[in-house]
Amino acid sequence: QRKQEKERQAMVASVEVGDSILTTSGFYGVIIDMTDDVVIVE
């Protein structure tokens, strides 16, 4: 479980503007802007 959590944190830390994402609620979107802990998804 700790290993899986580290992999998830690395994935979240690697997101960039323009990446396509899937959210916990099942929505697909594209990141258009981001700050330290908030992303704006289109």
ModelCIF file with pLDDT and N, C-alpha, C, O atoms, coordinates in Angstrom:
data_MODEL
#
_entry.id   MODEL 
#
_entity.id                         1 
_entity.type                       polymer 
_entity.pdbx_number_of_molecules   1 
#
_entity_poly.entity_id                      1 
_entity_poly.type                           'polypeptide(L)' 
_entity_poly.nstd_linkage                   no 
_entity_poly.nstd_monomer                   no 
_entity_poly.pdbx_seq_one_letter_code       QRKQEKERQAMVASVEVGDSILTTSGFYGVIIDMTDDVVIVE 
_entity_poly.pdbx_seq_one_letter_code_can   QRKQEKERQAMVASVEVGDSILTTSGFYGVIIDMTDDVVIVE 
_entity_poly.pdbx_strand_id                 A 
#
loop_
_entity_poly_seq.entity_id 
_entity_poly_seq.num 
_entity_poly_seq.mon_id 
_entity_poly_seq.hetero 
1 1  GLN n 
1 2  ARG n 
1 3  LYS n 
1 4  GLN n 
1 5  GLU n 
1 6  LYS n 
1 7  GLU n 
1 8  ARG n 
1 9  GLN n 
1 10 ALA n 
1 11 MET n 
1 12 VAL n 
1 13 ALA n 
1 14 SER n 
1 15 VAL n 
1 16 GLU n 
1 17 VAL n 
1 18 GLY n 
1 19 ASP n 
1 20 SER n 
1 21 ILE n 
1 22 LEU n 
1 23 THR n 
1 24 THR n 
1 25 SER n 
1 26 GLY n 
1 27 PHE n 
1 28 TYR n 
1 29 GLY n 
1 30 VAL n 
1 31 ILE n 
1 32 ILE n 
1 33 ASP n 
1 34 MET n 
1 35 THR n 
1 36 ASP n 
1 37 ASP n 
1 38 VAL n 
1 39 VAL n 
1 40 ILE n 
1 41 VAL n 
1 42 GLU n 
#
_struct_asym.id          A 
_struct_asym.entity_id   1 
#
loop_
_ma_qa_metric.id 
_ma_qa_metric.mode 
_ma_qa_metric.name 
_ma_qa_metric.software_group_id 
_ma_qa_metric.type 
1 global pLDDT . pLDDT 
2 local  pLDDT . pLDDT 
#
_ma_qa_metric_global.metric_id      1 
_ma_qa_metric_global.metric_value   92.10 
_ma_qa_metric_global.model_id       1 
_ma_qa_metric_global.ordinal_id     1 
#
loop_
_ma_qa_metric_local.label_asym_id 
_ma_qa_metric_local.label_comp_id 
_ma_qa_metric_local.label_seq_id 
_ma_qa_metric_local.metric_id 
_ma_qa_metric_local.metric_value 
_ma_qa_metric_local.model_id 
_ma_qa_metric_local.ordinal_id 
A GLN 1  2 92.00 1 1  
A ARG 2  2 92.00 1 2  
A LYS 3  2 93.00 1 3  
A GLN 4  2 92.00 1 4  
A GLU 5  2 92.00 1 5  
A LYS 6  2 94.00 1 6  
A GLU 7  2 93.00 1 7  
A ARG 8  2 92.00 1 8  
A GLN 9  2 91.00 1 9  
A ALA 10 2 92.00 1 10 
A MET 11 2 92.00 1 11 
A VAL 12 2 90.00 1 12 
A ALA 13 2 90.00 1 13 
A SER 14 2 90.00 1 14 
A VAL 15 2 92.00 1 15 
A GLU 16 2 92.00 1 16 
A VAL 17 2 92.00 1 17 
A GLY 18 2 91.00 1 18 
A ASP 19 2 92.00 1 19 
A SER 20 2 93.00 1 20 
A ILE 21 2 94.00 1 21 
A LEU 22 2 94.00 1 22 
A THR 23 2 93.00 1 23 
A THR 24 2 92.00 1 24 
A SER 25 2 91.00 1 25 
A GLY 26 2 92.00 1 26 
A PHE 27 2 92.00 1 27 
A TYR 28 2 92.00 1 28 
A GLY 29 2 92.00 1 29 
A VAL 30 2 93.00 1 30 
A ILE 31 2 94.00 1 31 
A ILE 32 2 93.00 1 32 
A ASP 33 2 93.00 1 33 
A MET 34 2 92.00 1 34 
A THR 35 2 90.00 1 35 
A ASP 36 2 87.00 1 36 
A ASP 37 2 90.00 1 37 
A VAL 38 2 93.00 1 38 
A VAL 39 2 94.00 1 39 
A ILE 40 2 94.00 1 40 
A VAL 41 2 93.00 1 41 
A GLU 42 2 93.00 1 42 
#
loop_
_atom_site.group_PDB 
_atom_site.id 
_atom_site.type_symbol 
_atom_site.label_atom_id 
_atom_site.label_alt_id 
_atom_site.label_comp_id 
_atom_site.label_asym_id 
_atom_site.label_entity_id 
_atom_site.label_seq_id 
_atom_site.pdbx_PDB_ins_code 
_atom_site.Cartn_x 
_atom_site.Cartn_y 
_atom_site.Cartn_z 
_atom_site.occupancy 
_atom_site.B_iso_or_equiv 
_atom_site.pdbx_formal_charge 
_atom_site.auth_seq_id 
_atom_site.auth_comp_id 
_atom_site.auth_asym_id 
_atom_site.auth_atom_id 
_atom_site.pdbx_PDB_model_num 
ATOM 1   N N  . GLN A 1 1  ? 0.830   -1.200 0.000   1.00 92.00 ? 1  GLN A N  1 
ATOM 2   C CA . GLN A 1 1  ? 0.000   0.000  0.000   1.00 92.00 ? 1  GLN A CA 1 
ATOM 3   C C  . GLN A 1 1  ? 0.867   1.254  0.000   1.00 92.00 ? 1  GLN A C  1 
ATOM 4   O O  . GLN A 1 1  ? 0.545   2.221  -0.690  1.00 92.00 ? 1  GLN A O  1 
ATOM 5   N N  . ARG A 1 2  ? 1.946   1.256  0.751   1.00 92.00 ? 2  ARG A N  1 
ATOM 6   C CA . ARG A 1 2  ? 2.850   2.408  0.762   1.00 92.00 ? 2  ARG A CA 1 
ATOM 7   C C  . ARG A 1 2  ? 3.513   2.594  -0.603  1.00 92.00 ? 2  ARG A C  1 
ATOM 8   O O  . ARG A 1 2  ? 3.669   3.723  -1.068  1.00 92.00 ? 2  ARG A O  1 
ATOM 9   N N  . LYS A 1 3  ? 3.898   1.499  -1.241  1.00 93.00 ? 3  LYS A N  1 
ATOM 10  C CA . LYS A 1 3  ? 4.514   1.576  -2.565  1.00 93.00 ? 3  LYS A CA 1 
ATOM 11  C C  . LYS A 1 3  ? 3.524   2.154  -3.578  1.00 93.00 ? 3  LYS A C  1 
ATOM 12  O O  . LYS A 1 3  ? 3.889   3.000  -4.395  1.00 93.00 ? 3  LYS A O  1 
ATOM 13  N N  . GLN A 1 4  ? 2.284   1.700  -3.522  1.00 92.00 ? 4  GLN A N  1 
ATOM 14  C CA . GLN A 1 4  ? 1.254   2.196  -4.436  1.00 92.00 ? 4  GLN A CA 1 
ATOM 15  C C  . GLN A 1 4  ? 0.997   3.685  -4.199  1.00 92.00 ? 4  GLN A C  1 
ATOM 16  O O  . GLN A 1 4  ? 0.806   4.435  -5.156  1.00 92.00 ? 4  GLN A O  1 
ATOM 17  N N  . GLU A 1 5  ? 0.991   4.116  -2.959  1.00 92.00 ? 5  GLU A N  1 
ATOM 18  C CA . GLU A 1 5  ? 0.768   5.523  -2.650  1.00 92.00 ? 5  GLU A CA 1 
ATOM 19  C C  . GLU A 1 5  ? 1.917   6.390  -3.158  1.00 92.00 ? 5  GLU A C  1 
ATOM 20  O O  . GLU A 1 5  ? 1.682   7.497  -3.641  1.00 92.00 ? 5  GLU A O  1 
ATOM 21  N N  . LYS A 1 6  ? 3.155   5.906  -3.056  1.00 94.00 ? 6  LYS A N  1 
ATOM 22  C CA . LYS A 1 6  ? 4.305   6.647  -3.588  1.00 94.00 ? 6  LYS A CA 1 
ATOM 23  C C  . LYS A 1 6  ? 4.201   6.789  -5.098  1.00 94.00 ? 6  LYS A C  1 
ATOM 24  O O  . LYS A 1 6  ? 4.488   7.857  -5.638  1.00 94.00 ? 6  LYS A O  1 
ATOM 25  N N  . GLU A 1 7  ? 3.791   5.719  -5.792  1.00 93.00 ? 7  GLU A N  1 
ATOM 26  C CA . GLU A 1 7  ? 3.624   5.788  -7.249  1.00 93.00 ? 7  GLU A CA 1 
ATOM 27  C C  . GLU A 1 7  ? 2.536   6.789  -7.621  1.00 93.00 ? 7  GLU A C  1 
ATOM 28  O O  . GLU A 1 7  ? 2.685   7.536  -8.588  1.00 93.00 ? 7  GLU A O  1 
ATOM 29  N N  . ARG A 1 8  ? 1.445   6.810  -6.862  1.00 92.00 ? 8  ARG A N  1 
ATOM 30  C CA . ARG A 1 8  ? 0.347   7.748  -7.139  1.00 92.00 ? 8  ARG A CA 1 
ATOM 31  C C  . ARG A 1 8  ? 0.802   9.185  -6.919  1.00 92.00 ? 8  ARG A C  1 
ATOM 32  O O  . ARG A 1 8  ? 0.474   10.059 -7.721  1.00 92.00 ? 8  ARG A O  1 
ATOM 33  N N  . GLN A 1 9  ? 1.555   9.449  -5.844  1.00 91.00 ? 9  GLN A N  1 
ATOM 34  C CA . GLN A 1 9  ? 2.055   10.788 -5.592  1.00 91.00 ? 9  GLN A CA 1 
ATOM 35  C C  . GLN A 1 9  ? 3.010   11.241 -6.683  1.00 91.00 ? 9  GLN A C  1 
ATOM 36  O O  . GLN A 1 9  ? 3.003   12.413 -7.060  1.00 91.00 ? 9  GLN A O  1 
ATOM 37  N N  . ALA A 1 10 ? 3.828   10.334 -7.194  1.00 92.00 ? 10 ALA A N  1 
ATOM 38  C CA . ALA A 1 10 ? 4.748   10.675 -8.283  1.00 92.00 ? 10 ALA A CA 1 
ATOM 39  C C  . ALA A 1 10 ? 3.967   11.003 -9.549  1.00 92.00 ? 10 ALA A C  1 
ATOM 40  O O  . ALA A 1 10 ? 4.329   11.928 -10.276 1.00 92.00 ? 10 ALA A O  1 
ATOM 41  N N  . MET A 1 11 ? 2.896   10.251 -9.823  1.00 92.00 ? 11 MET A N  1 
ATOM 42  C CA . MET A 1 11 ? 2.071   10.509 -11.007 1.00 92.00 ? 11 MET A CA 1 
ATOM 43  C C  . MET A 1 11 ? 1.413   11.883 -10.900 1.00 92.00 ? 11 MET A C  1 
ATOM 44  O O  . MET A 1 11 ? 1.418   12.646 -11.866 1.00 92.00 ? 11 MET A O  1 
ATOM 45  N N  . VAL A 1 12 ? 0.851   12.205 -9.741  1.00 90.00 ? 12 VAL A N  1 
ATOM 46  C CA . VAL A 1 12 ? 0.177   13.490 -9.551  1.00 90.00 ? 12 VAL A CA 1 
ATOM 47  C C  . VAL A 1 12 ? 1.190   14.635 -9.637  1.00 90.00 ? 12 VAL A C  1 
ATOM 48  O O  . VAL A 1 12 ? 0.870   15.702 -10.162 1.00 90.00 ? 12 VAL A O  1 
ATOM 49  N N  . ALA A 1 13 ? 2.390   14.426 -9.133  1.00 90.00 ? 13 ALA A N  1 
ATOM 50  C CA . ALA A 1 13 ? 3.411   15.475 -9.178  1.00 90.00 ? 13 ALA A CA 1 
ATOM 51  C C  . ALA A 1 13 ? 3.917   15.713 -10.597 1.00 90.00 ? 13 ALA A C  1 
ATOM 52  O O  . ALA A 1 13 ? 4.453   16.783 -10.887 1.00 90.00 ? 13 ALA A O  1 
ATOM 53  N N  . SER A 1 14 ? 3.754   14.732 -11.486 1.00 90.00 ? 14 SER A N  1 
ATOM 54  C CA . SER A 1 14 ? 4.281   14.865 -12.840 1.00 90.00 ? 14 SER A CA 1 
ATOM 55  C C  . SER A 1 14 ? 3.296   15.468 -13.838 1.00 90.00 ? 14 SER A C  1 
ATOM 56  O O  . SER A 1 14 ? 3.639   15.627 -15.010 1.00 90.00 ? 14 SER A O  1 
ATOM 57  N N  . VAL A 1 15 ? 2.085   15.807 -13.407 1.00 92.00 ? 15 VAL A N  1 
ATOM 58  C CA . VAL A 1 15 ? 1.113   16.359 -14.354 1.00 92.00 ? 15 VAL A CA 1 
ATOM 59  C C  . VAL A 1 15 ? 1.565   17.730 -14.841 1.00 92.00 ? 15 VAL A C  1 
ATOM 60  O O  . VAL A 1 15 ? 2.178   18.503 -14.104 1.00 92.00 ? 15 VAL A O  1 
ATOM 61  N N  . GLU A 1 16 ? 1.247   18.008 -16.098 1.00 92.00 ? 16 GLU A N  1 
ATOM 62  C CA . GLU A 1 16 ? 1.604   19.279 -16.730 1.00 92.00 ? 16 GLU A CA 1 
ATOM 63  C C  . GLU A 1 16 ? 0.408   19.815 -17.498 1.00 92.00 ? 16 GLU A C  1 
ATOM 64  O O  . GLU A 1 16 ? -0.553  19.092 -17.760 1.00 92.00 ? 16 GLU A O  1 
ATOM 65  N N  . VAL A 1 17 ? 0.478   21.073 -17.851 1.00 92.00 ? 17 VAL A N  1 
ATOM 66  C CA . VAL A 1 17 ? -0.576  21.685 -18.661 1.00 92.00 ? 17 VAL A CA 1 
ATOM 67  C C  . VAL A 1 17 ? -0.626  20.962 -20.005 1.00 92.00 ? 17 VAL A C  1 
ATOM 68  O O  . VAL A 1 17 ? 0.407   20.743 -20.638 1.00 92.00 ? 17 VAL A O  1 
ATOM 69  N N  . GLY A 1 18 ? -1.824  20.595 -20.432 1.00 91.00 ? 18 GLY A N  1 
ATOM 70  C CA . GLY A 1 18 ? -2.019  19.897 -21.693 1.00 91.00 ? 18 GLY A CA 1 
ATOM 71  C C  . GLY A 1 18 ? -2.229  18.399 -21.534 1.00 91.00 ? 18 GLY A C  1 
ATOM 72  O O  . GLY A 1 18 ? -2.637  17.731 -22.484 1.00 91.00 ? 18 GLY A O  1 
ATOM 73  N N  . ASP A 1 19 ? -1.958  17.857 -20.350 1.00 92.00 ? 19 ASP A N  1 
ATOM 74  C CA . ASP A 1 19 ? -2.153  16.424 -20.110 1.00 92.00 ? 19 ASP A CA 1 
ATOM 75  C C  . ASP A 1 19 ? -3.635  16.097 -20.020 1.00 92.00 ? 19 ASP A C  1 
ATOM 76  O O  . ASP A 1 19 ? -4.422  16.880 -19.488 1.00 92.00 ? 19 ASP A O  1 
ATOM 77  N N  . SER A 1 20 ? -4.008  14.942 -20.541 1.00 93.00 ? 20 SER A N  1 
ATOM 78  C CA . SER A 1 20 ? -5.370  14.439 -20.388 1.00 93.00 ? 20 SER A CA 1 
ATOM 79  C C  . SER A 1 20 ? -5.433  13.645 -19.100 1.00 93.00 ? 20 SER A C  1 
ATOM 80  O O  . SER A 1 20 ? -4.527  12.869 -18.796 1.00 93.00 ? 20 SER A O  1 
ATOM 81  N N  . ILE A 1 21 ? -6.507  13.839 -18.338 1.00 94.00 ? 21 ILE A N  1 
ATOM 82  C CA . ILE A 1 21 ? -6.624  13.176 -17.043 1.00 94.00 ? 21 ILE A CA 1 
ATOM 83  C C  . ILE A 1 21 ? -7.982  12.506 -16.891 1.00 94.00 ? 21 ILE A C  1 
ATOM 84  O O  . ILE A 1 21 ? -8.935  12.815 -17.607 1.00 94.00 ? 21 ILE A O  1 
ATOM 85  N N  . LEU A 1 22 ? -8.042  11.583 -15.942 1.00 94.00 ? 22 LEU A N  1 
ATOM 86  C CA . LEU A 1 22 ? -9.286  10.982 -15.492 1.00 94.00 ? 22 LEU A CA 1 
ATOM 87  C C  . LEU A 1 22 ? -9.411  11.330 -14.017 1.00 94.00 ? 22 LEU A C  1 
ATOM 88  O O  . LEU A 1 22 ? -8.458  11.155 -13.257 1.00 94.00 ? 22 LEU A O  1 
ATOM 89  N N  . THR A 1 23 ? -10.579 11.824 -13.601 1.00 93.00 ? 23 THR A N  1 
ATOM 90  C CA . THR A 1 23 ? -10.773 12.227 -12.208 1.00 93.00 ? 23 THR A CA 1 
ATOM 91  C C  . THR A 1 23 ? -11.393 11.087 -11.404 1.00 93.00 ? 23 THR A C  1 
ATOM 92  O O  . THR A 1 23 ? -11.845 10.091 -11.970 1.00 93.00 ? 23 THR A O  1 
ATOM 93  N N  . THR A 1 24 ? -11.411 11.240 -10.087 1.00 92.00 ? 24 THR A N  1 
ATOM 94  C CA . THR A 1 24 ? -12.003 10.228 -9.217  1.00 92.00 ? 24 THR A CA 1 
ATOM 95  C C  . THR A 1 24 ? -13.491 10.055 -9.475  1.00 92.00 ? 24 THR A C  1 
ATOM 96  O O  . THR A 1 24 ? -14.045 8.994  -9.186  1.00 92.00 ? 24 THR A O  1 
ATOM 97  N N  . SER A 1 25 ? -14.145 11.073 -10.010 1.00 91.00 ? 25 SER A N  1 
ATOM 98  C CA . SER A 1 25 ? -15.574 10.977 -10.303 1.00 91.00 ? 25 SER A CA 1 
ATOM 99  C C  . SER A 1 25 ? -15.855 10.426 -11.693 1.00 91.00 ? 25 SER A C  1 
ATOM 100 O O  . SER A 1 25 ? -17.016 10.303 -12.086 1.00 91.00 ? 25 SER A O  1 
ATOM 101 N N  . GLY A 1 26 ? -14.804 10.092 -12.446 1.00 92.00 ? 26 GLY A N  1 
ATOM 102 C CA . GLY A 1 26 ? -14.987 9.453  -13.744 1.00 92.00 ? 26 GLY A CA 1 
ATOM 103 C C  . GLY A 1 26 ? -15.023 10.394 -14.933 1.00 92.00 ? 26 GLY A C  1 
ATOM 104 O O  . GLY A 1 26 ? -15.361 9.967  -16.037 1.00 92.00 ? 26 GLY A O  1 
ATOM 105 N N  . PHE A 1 27 ? -14.689 11.652 -14.743 1.00 92.00 ? 27 PHE A N  1 
ATOM 106 C CA . PHE A 1 27 ? -14.693 12.615 -15.841 1.00 92.00 ? 27 PHE A CA 1 
ATOM 107 C C  . PHE A 1 27 ? -13.321 12.679 -16.498 1.00 92.00 ? 27 PHE A C  1 
ATOM 108 O O  . PHE A 1 27 ? -12.292 12.666 -15.821 1.00 92.00 ? 27 PHE A O  1 
ATOM 109 N N  . TYR A 1 28 ? -13.322 12.748 -17.823 1.00 92.00 ? 28 TYR A N  1 
ATOM 110 C CA . TYR A 1 28 ? -12.089 12.944 -18.585 1.00 92.00 ? 28 TYR A CA 1 
ATOM 111 C C  . TYR A 1 28 ? -11.969 14.416 -18.929 1.00 92.00 ? 28 TYR A C  1 
ATOM 112 O O  . TYR A 1 28 ? -12.960 15.061 -19.270 1.00 92.00 ? 28 TYR A O  1 
ATOM 113 N N  . GLY A 1 29 ? -10.753 14.951 -18.842 1.00 92.00 ? 29 GLY A N  1 
ATOM 114 C CA . GLY A 1 29 ? -10.548 16.342 -19.159 1.00 92.00 ? 29 GLY A CA 1 
ATOM 115 C C  . GLY A 1 29 ? -9.099  16.627 -19.486 1.00 92.00 ? 29 GLY A C  1 
ATOM 116 O O  . GLY A 1 29 ? -8.253  15.734 -19.449 1.00 92.00 ? 29 GLY A O  1 
ATOM 117 N N  . VAL A 1 30 ? -8.821  17.883 -19.806 1.00 93.00 ? 30 VAL A N  1 
ATOM 118 C CA . VAL A 1 30 ? -7.470  18.332 -20.157 1.00 93.00 ? 30 VAL A CA 1 
ATOM 119 C C  . VAL A 1 30 ? -7.094  19.456 -19.199 1.00 93.00 ? 30 VAL A C  1 
ATOM 120 O O  . VAL A 1 30 ? -7.886  20.368 -18.962 1.00 93.00 ? 30 VAL A O  1 
ATOM 121 N N  . ILE A 1 31 ? -5.899  19.391 -18.657 1.00 94.00 ? 31 ILE A N  1 
ATOM 122 C CA . ILE A 1 31 ? -5.424  20.425 -17.744 1.00 94.00 ? 31 ILE A CA 1 
ATOM 123 C C  . ILE A 1 31 ? -5.057  21.660 -18.556 1.00 94.00 ? 31 ILE A C  1 
ATOM 124 O O  . ILE A 1 31 ? -4.269  21.583 -19.499 1.00 94.00 ? 31 ILE A O  1 
ATOM 125 N N  . ILE A 1 32 ? -5.638  22.809 -18.182 1.00 93.00 ? 32 ILE A N  1 
ATOM 126 C CA . ILE A 1 32 ? -5.326  24.040 -18.912 1.00 93.00 ? 32 ILE A CA 1 
ATOM 127 C C  . ILE A 1 32 ? -4.529  25.021 -18.068 1.00 93.00 ? 32 ILE A C  1 
ATOM 128 O O  . ILE A 1 32 ? -3.907  25.937 -18.606 1.00 93.00 ? 32 ILE A O  1 
ATOM 129 N N  . ASP A 1 33 ? -4.540  24.838 -16.734 1.00 93.00 ? 33 ASP A N  1 
ATOM 130 C CA . ASP A 1 33 ? -3.757  25.699 -15.852 1.00 93.00 ? 33 ASP A CA 1 
ATOM 131 C C  . ASP A 1 33 ? -3.584  24.961 -14.530 1.00 93.00 ? 33 ASP A C  1 
ATOM 132 O O  . ASP A 1 33 ? -4.381  24.088 -14.187 1.00 93.00 ? 33 ASP A O  1 
ATOM 133 N N  . MET A 1 34 ? -2.533  25.320 -13.790 1.00 92.00 ? 34 MET A N  1 
ATOM 134 C CA . MET A 1 34 ? -2.325  24.650 -12.512 1.00 92.00 ? 34 MET A CA 1 
ATOM 135 C C  . MET A 1 34 ? -1.524  25.510 -11.554 1.00 92.00 ? 34 MET A C  1 
ATOM 136 O O  . MET A 1 34 ? -0.720  26.347 -11.964 1.00 92.00 ? 34 MET A O  1 
ATOM 137 N N  . THR A 1 35 ? -1.760  25.286 -10.265 1.00 90.00 ? 35 THR A N  1 
ATOM 138 C CA . THR A 1 35 ? -0.962  25.891 -9.201  1.00 90.00 ? 35 THR A CA 1 
ATOM 139 C C  . THR A 1 35 ? -0.362  24.735 -8.397  1.00 90.00 ? 35 THR A C  1 
ATOM 140 O O  . THR A 1 35 ? -0.303  23.608 -8.888  1.00 90.00 ? 35 THR A O  1 
ATOM 141 N N  . ASP A 1 36 ? 0.078   25.004 -7.177  1.00 87.00 ? 36 ASP A N  1 
ATOM 142 C CA . ASP A 1 36 ? 0.719   23.963 -6.377  1.00 87.00 ? 36 ASP A CA 1 
ATOM 143 C C  . ASP A 1 36 ? -0.164  22.747 -6.135  1.00 87.00 ? 36 ASP A C  1 
ATOM 144 O O  . ASP A 1 36 ? 0.273   21.615 -6.345  1.00 87.00 ? 36 ASP A O  1 
ATOM 145 N N  . ASP A 1 37 ? -1.408  22.967 -5.694  1.00 90.00 ? 37 ASP A N  1 
ATOM 146 C CA . ASP A 1 37 ? -2.267  21.829 -5.386  1.00 90.00 ? 37 ASP A CA 1 
ATOM 147 C C  . ASP A 1 37 ? -3.620  21.856 -6.087  1.00 90.00 ? 37 ASP A C  1 
ATOM 148 O O  . ASP A 1 37 ? -4.470  21.010 -5.810  1.00 90.00 ? 37 ASP A O  1 
ATOM 149 N N  . VAL A 1 38 ? -3.834  22.806 -6.984  1.00 93.00 ? 38 VAL A N  1 
ATOM 150 C CA . VAL A 1 38 ? -5.091  22.918 -7.719  1.00 93.00 ? 38 VAL A CA 1 
ATOM 151 C C  . VAL A 1 38 ? -4.814  22.943 -9.213  1.00 93.00 ? 38 VAL A C  1 
ATOM 152 O O  . VAL A 1 38 ? -3.886  23.608 -9.673  1.00 93.00 ? 38 VAL A O  1 
ATOM 153 N N  . VAL A 1 39 ? -5.634  22.205 -9.970  1.00 94.00 ? 39 VAL A N  1 
ATOM 154 C CA . VAL A 1 39 ? -5.550  22.240 -11.430 1.00 94.00 ? 39 VAL A CA 1 
ATOM 155 C C  . VAL A 1 39 ? -6.887  22.738 -11.969 1.00 94.00 ? 39 VAL A C  1 
ATOM 156 O O  . VAL A 1 39 ? -7.936  22.497 -11.371 1.00 94.00 ? 39 VAL A O  1 
ATOM 157 N N  . ILE A 1 40 ? -6.841  23.426 -13.090 1.00 94.00 ? 40 ILE A N  1 
ATOM 158 C CA . ILE A 1 40 ? -8.066  23.830 -13.776 1.00 94.00 ? 40 ILE A CA 1 
ATOM 159 C C  . ILE A 1 40 ? -8.197  22.908 -14.976 1.00 94.00 ? 40 ILE A C  1 
ATOM 160 O O  . ILE A 1 40 ? -7.315  22.846 -15.833 1.00 94.00 ? 40 ILE A O  1 
ATOM 161 N N  . VAL A 1 41 ? -9.317  22.191 -15.021 1.00 93.00 ? 41 VAL A N  1 
ATOM 162 C CA . VAL A 1 41 ? -9.531  21.158 -16.020 1.00 93.00 ? 41 VAL A CA 1 
ATOM 163 C C  . VAL A 1 41 ? -10.661 21.578 -16.942 1.00 93.00 ? 41 VAL A C  1 
ATOM 164 O O  . VAL A 1 41 ? -11.699 22.065 -16.496 1.00 93.00 ? 41 VAL A O  1 
ATOM 165 N N  . GLU A 1 42 ? -10.443 21.382 -18.232 1.00 93.00 ? 42 GLU A N  1 
ATOM 166 C CA . GLU A 1 42 ? -11.451 21.667 -19.249 1.00 93.00 ? 42 GLU A CA 1 
ATOM 167 C C  . GLU A 1 42 ? -12.074 20.342 -19.661 1.00 93.00 ? 42 GLU A C  1 
ATOM 168 O O  . GLU A 1 42 ? -12.960 20.315 -20.515 1.00 93.00 ? 42 GLU A O  1 
#
